[in-house]
Protein backbone atom coordinates (compact mmCIF):
# COMPACT_ATOMS: atom_id res chain seq x y z
CA MET A 1 -95.30 14.87 -24.37
CA ASP A 2 -96.43 15.46 -20.76
CA VAL A 3 -97.14 18.69 -19.29
CA ALA A 4 -93.77 19.17 -17.64
CA GLN A 5 -92.15 18.75 -20.99
CA ARG A 6 -94.47 21.36 -22.52
CA VAL A 7 -93.59 23.82 -19.66
CA LEU A 8 -89.92 23.35 -19.88
CA ALA A 9 -90.18 23.70 -23.72
CA GLY A 10 -92.01 26.96 -23.29
CA HIS A 11 -89.72 28.38 -20.74
CA ASP A 12 -86.82 27.88 -23.23
CA GLY A 13 -88.70 29.68 -25.94
CA TYR A 14 -89.67 26.51 -27.85
CA GLU A 15 -93.21 25.53 -28.88
CA VAL A 16 -94.78 22.14 -29.25
CA ASN A 17 -96.73 21.24 -32.40
CA GLU A 18 -99.89 18.95 -32.76
CA TYR A 19 -97.64 15.89 -33.08
CA ASN A 20 -95.59 16.60 -29.97
CA GLY A 21 -92.64 17.76 -31.95
CA VAL A 22 -90.58 20.71 -30.44
CA TYR A 23 -89.67 23.73 -32.50
CA SER A 24 -88.66 27.33 -32.39
CA ASN A 25 -91.18 29.70 -34.04
CA GLY A 26 -89.80 31.49 -36.96
CA LYS A 27 -86.70 29.36 -37.25
CA GLU A 28 -85.65 26.59 -39.56
CA TYR A 29 -85.42 22.91 -38.61
CA SER A 30 -82.02 21.53 -38.56
CA HIS A 31 -80.67 20.13 -41.91
CA SER A 32 -80.77 16.63 -40.21
CA LYS A 33 -84.57 16.95 -39.50
CA LYS A 34 -85.05 18.13 -43.10
CA LEU A 35 -83.24 15.11 -44.27
CA GLU A 36 -85.35 12.98 -41.96
CA VAL A 37 -88.61 14.35 -43.62
CA ALA A 38 -87.09 14.01 -47.04
CA ALA A 39 -86.33 10.33 -46.65
CA SER A 40 -89.69 9.74 -45.17
CA ILE A 41 -91.14 11.37 -48.38
CA VAL A 42 -88.97 9.32 -50.70
CA ALA A 43 -89.78 6.29 -48.98
CA SER A 44 -93.61 6.98 -49.14
CA GLN A 45 -93.37 7.74 -52.80
CA GLU A 46 -91.47 4.51 -53.52
CA SER A 47 -94.10 2.23 -51.73
CA SER A 48 -97.17 4.11 -53.31
CA LEU A 49 -98.58 2.99 -56.60
CA ASP A 50 -99.21 6.38 -57.99
CA GLY A 51 -96.00 8.03 -56.38
CA GLY A 52 -98.08 10.13 -54.06
CA VAL A 53 -97.44 10.84 -50.24
CA ASN A 54 -99.82 11.04 -47.17
CA VAL A 55 -98.68 14.48 -45.81
CA SER A 56 -100.40 14.14 -42.68
CA SER A 57 -98.74 10.43 -41.86
CA ILE A 58 -95.28 11.87 -42.66
CA ALA A 59 -95.91 14.88 -40.49
CA LYS A 60 -96.93 12.65 -37.60
CA GLU A 61 -94.05 10.21 -38.12
CA CYS A 62 -91.50 13.07 -38.06
CA LYS A 63 -93.15 15.17 -35.53
CA VAL A 64 -93.35 18.33 -37.92
CA SER A 65 -96.25 20.27 -39.38
CA ARG A 66 -97.98 19.29 -42.48
CA TYR A 67 -96.76 22.59 -44.00
CA TYR A 68 -93.16 21.65 -43.32
CA VAL A 69 -93.75 18.25 -45.02
CA ARG A 70 -95.29 20.00 -48.12
CA LYS A 71 -92.29 22.65 -48.11
CA VAL A 72 -89.71 19.65 -48.27
CA ARG A 73 -91.77 17.80 -50.78
CA ASP A 74 -92.01 20.88 -53.15
CA GLU A 75 -88.21 21.41 -52.72
CA LEU A 76 -87.51 17.75 -53.78
CA ARG A 77 -89.82 18.25 -56.78
CA VAL A 78 -88.27 21.60 -58.00
CA HIS A 79 -84.66 20.92 -57.14
CA GLY A 80 -84.44 17.03 -57.04
CA ARG A 81 -82.79 17.26 -53.63
CA ILE A 82 -83.10 19.19 -50.30
CA LEU A 83 -81.26 22.42 -50.11
CA ARG A 84 -78.97 23.65 -47.31
CA GLU A 85 -79.89 26.82 -45.23
CA ASN A 86 -77.48 28.98 -47.15
CA GLU A 87 -78.65 27.82 -50.77
CA LYS A 88 -81.07 30.16 -52.33
CA THR A 89 -84.48 28.75 -52.92
CA ALA A 90 -85.15 30.58 -56.25
CA ALA A 91 -87.77 29.38 -58.65
CA PRO A 92 -86.54 27.11 -61.63
CA LEU A 93 -85.98 28.52 -65.08
CA ALA A 94 -88.84 28.40 -67.38
CA ASP A 95 -88.50 26.17 -70.45
CA GLU A 96 -88.42 27.87 -73.93
CA ASP A 97 -91.95 26.64 -74.63
CA GLU A 98 -93.16 28.46 -71.50
CA GLY A 99 -91.85 31.86 -72.60
CA GLY A 100 -88.40 31.51 -70.85
CA PHE A 101 -85.08 32.77 -72.19
CA GLY A 102 -83.37 30.90 -74.98
């Protein structure tokens, strides 16, 4: 991203991350961006021998922070899918063996 684009993004209240992705500090990315990141995570897991993902590589590819990639990855692990903005992101219920209800 060139200097002019950074300046214009700044004038509109946006910031630019280390991978030249434009974002609004404190606001969620769109659901379509979350879907893009999730798809990249799933593709990476499927092509990996151990099912792991390279968080930095996905962040660079999708132009988001590594934190955001980890957030989406964890959401996939916990819920088995990505959640929409209006869905509560509560922790999953504990199993009976772990002291949960039952």
